[in-house]
Structures are given as C-alpha cells and as structure tokens.
Amino acid sequence: MKKHRFRKLLLCFTALLVLPACQKYNGDLEQWGSTVDTVDTAKLKRNNIPYEIRDGKVYIPEDAFSDATYCCT
C-alpha cells in the first residue's frame, strides 16, 4: 500500500516538474506593434501566440517574436 502511494506521489511530482518545461512561450512580454489598432490579434490567437493588451498596446512573449513575424506579416 505504501509502495503504491510513493509511486503516485513520485509520478505527480515528476509531472509538476515536466509540464512547465513544455510550455512553448515563457519569455518576458515585449511590445508588438505600435497600437492595438495596427496589430491583427485574430492572427495571433489563431496561431496560438499568447498576447496581452495594456494601455492600448499589444505585448507578446519575446521568444514568440519569430513566430509572430512569420504568421502576421
């Protein structure tokens, strides 16, 4: 019984370590475009590129710049 509990605990711990490492984008947010009106956020969403809108400007993770350039230009 204790052996099975240890295995389950070890499996959960391993999953907690591995899942964050599998996230595609995890860089700091950088400004993308000059204003929200000049950026096609639908293309970002369609290509699974996370973005945030702050103060009328769009921000994307810095490691997503090449993918955003490829999909949105």
C-alpha atoms as a PDB file:
ATOM      1  CA  MET A   1       0.000   0.000   0.000  1.00  0.00           C
ATOM      2  CA  LYS A   2       2.784   2.442   0.926  1.00  0.00           C
ATOM      3  CA  LYS A   3       4.680   1.439  -2.195  1.00  0.00           C
ATOM      4  CA  HIS A   4       1.757   2.455  -4.433  1.00  0.00           C
ATOM      5  CA  ARG A   5       1.341   5.745  -2.594  1.00  0.00           C
ATOM      6  CA  PHE A   6       5.030   6.521  -3.106  1.00  0.00           C
ATOM      7  CA  ARG A   7       4.754   5.742  -6.837  1.00  0.00           C
ATOM      8  CA  LYS A   8       1.743   8.025  -7.233  1.00  0.00           C
ATOM      9  CA  LEU A   9       3.474  10.795  -5.321  1.00  0.00           C
ATOM     10  CA  LEU A  10       6.610  10.424  -7.434  1.00  0.00           C
ATOM     11  CA  LEU A  11       4.546  10.458 -10.643  1.00  0.00           C
ATOM     12  CA  CYS A  12       2.729  13.651  -9.601  1.00  0.00           C
ATOM     13  CA  PHE A  13       5.992  15.322  -8.623  1.00  0.00           C
ATOM     14  CA  THR A  14       7.558  14.407 -11.962  1.00  0.00           C
ATOM     15  CA  ALA A  15       4.535  15.762 -13.841  1.00  0.00           C
ATOM     16  CA  LEU A  16       4.775  19.036 -11.929  1.00  0.00           C
ATOM     17  CA  LEU A  17       8.405  19.391 -12.992  1.00  0.00           C
ATOM     18  CA  VAL A  18       7.910  18.409 -16.631  1.00  0.00           C
ATOM     19  CA  LEU A  19       4.730  20.312 -17.558  1.00  0.00           C
ATOM     20  CA  PRO A  20       6.074  23.852 -17.048  1.00  0.00           C
ATOM     21  CA  ALA A  21       9.137  22.949 -19.096  1.00  0.00           C
ATOM     22  CA  CYS A  22       6.870  22.030 -22.026  1.00  0.00           C
ATOM     23  CA  GLN A  23       5.288  25.460 -22.359  1.00  0.00           C
ATOM     24  CA  LYS A  24       6.046  26.889 -25.758  1.00  0.00           C
ATOM     25  CA  TYR A  25       6.455  30.550 -24.819  1.00  0.00           C
ATOM     26  CA  ASN A  26       7.705  31.732 -21.471  1.00  0.00           C
ATOM     27  CA  GLY A  27       9.779  34.858 -22.112  1.00  0.00           C
ATOM     28  CA  ASP A  28       9.213  38.372 -20.824  1.00  0.00           C
ATOM     29  CA  LEU A  29       6.479  40.365 -22.548  1.00  0.00           C
ATOM     30  CA  GLU A  30       7.658  42.866 -25.152  1.00  0.00           C
ATOM     31  CA  GLN A  31       5.657  45.389 -27.152  1.00  0.00           C
ATOM     32  CA  TRP A  32       4.452  44.149 -30.550  1.00  0.00           C
ATOM     33  CA  GLY A  33       3.334  46.872 -32.940  1.00  0.00           C
ATOM     34  CA  SER A  34       2.581  50.479 -32.094  1.00  0.00           C
ATOM     35  CA  THR A  35      -1.095  50.273 -31.073  1.00  0.00           C
ATOM     36  CA  VAL A  36      -3.858  47.724 -30.752  1.00  0.00           C
ATOM     37  CA  ASP A  37      -5.372  49.053 -33.983  1.00  0.00           C
ATOM     38  CA  THR A  38      -2.287  48.141 -36.029  1.00  0.00           C
ATOM     39  CA  VAL A  39      -2.000  44.554 -34.745  1.00  0.00           C
ATOM     40  CA  ASP A  40      -4.253  41.764 -36.008  1.00  0.00           C
ATOM     41  CA  THR A  41      -4.882  39.950 -32.719  1.00  0.00           C
ATOM     42  CA  ALA A  42      -7.082  37.409 -34.516  1.00  0.00           C
ATOM     43  CA  LYS A  43      -3.987  36.091 -36.320  1.00  0.00           C
ATOM     44  CA  LEU A  44      -2.092  35.871 -33.029  1.00  0.00           C
ATOM     45  CA  LYS A  45      -4.961  33.950 -31.454  1.00  0.00           C
ATOM     46  CA  ARG A  46      -5.343  31.665 -34.487  1.00  0.00           C
ATOM     47  CA  ASN A  47      -1.625  30.775 -34.302  1.00  0.00           C
ATOM     48  CA  ASN A  48      -1.700  30.172 -30.523  1.00  0.00           C
ATOM     49  CA  ILE A  49       0.573  33.096 -29.714  1.00  0.00           C
ATOM     50  CA  PRO A  50      -0.307  34.482 -26.291  1.00  0.00           C
ATOM     51  CA  TYR A  51      -0.705  38.238 -26.017  1.00  0.00           C
ATOM     52  CA  GLU A  52      -1.779  40.874 -23.540  1.00  0.00           C
ATOM     53  CA  ILE A  53      -3.236  44.296 -24.200  1.00  0.00           C
ATOM     54  CA  ARG A  54      -2.061  47.027 -21.827  1.00  0.00           C
ATOM     55  CA  ASP A  55      -2.652  50.745 -22.278  1.00  0.00           C
ATOM     56  CA  GLY A  56      -3.745  50.252 -25.882  1.00  0.00           C
ATOM     57  CA  LYS A  57      -0.599  48.326 -26.835  1.00  0.00           C
ATOM     58  CA  VAL A  58      -0.140  44.624 -27.585  1.00  0.00           C
ATOM     59  CA  TYR A  59       2.550  42.659 -25.753  1.00  0.00           C
ATOM     60  CA  ILE A  60       3.781  39.178 -26.678  1.00  0.00           C
ATOM     61  CA  PRO A  61       6.488  36.945 -25.150  1.00  0.00           C
ATOM     62  CA  GLU A  62       9.933  37.776 -26.509  1.00  0.00           C
ATOM     63  CA  ASP A  63      10.501  34.178 -27.599  1.00  0.00           C
ATOM     64  CA  ALA A  64       7.348  34.390 -29.776  1.00  0.00           C
ATOM     65  CA  PHE A  65       8.636  37.228 -31.969  1.00  0.00           C
ATOM     66  CA  SER A  66       9.833  34.997 -34.815  1.00  0.00           C
ATOM     67  CA  ASP A  67       6.556  33.040 -34.886  1.00  0.00           C
ATOM     68  CA  ALA A  68       4.524  36.257 -34.756  1.00  0.00           C
ATOM     69  CA  THR A  69       6.582  37.709 -37.593  1.00  0.00           C
ATOM     70  CA  TYR A  70       6.014  34.566 -39.649  1.00  0.00           C
ATOM     71  CA  CYS A  71       2.249  34.465 -39.108  1.00  0.00           C
ATOM     72  CA  CYS A  72       1.388  38.153 -39.137  1.00  0.00           C
ATOM     73  CA  THR A  73       3.414  39.654 -41.977  1.00  0.00           C
END
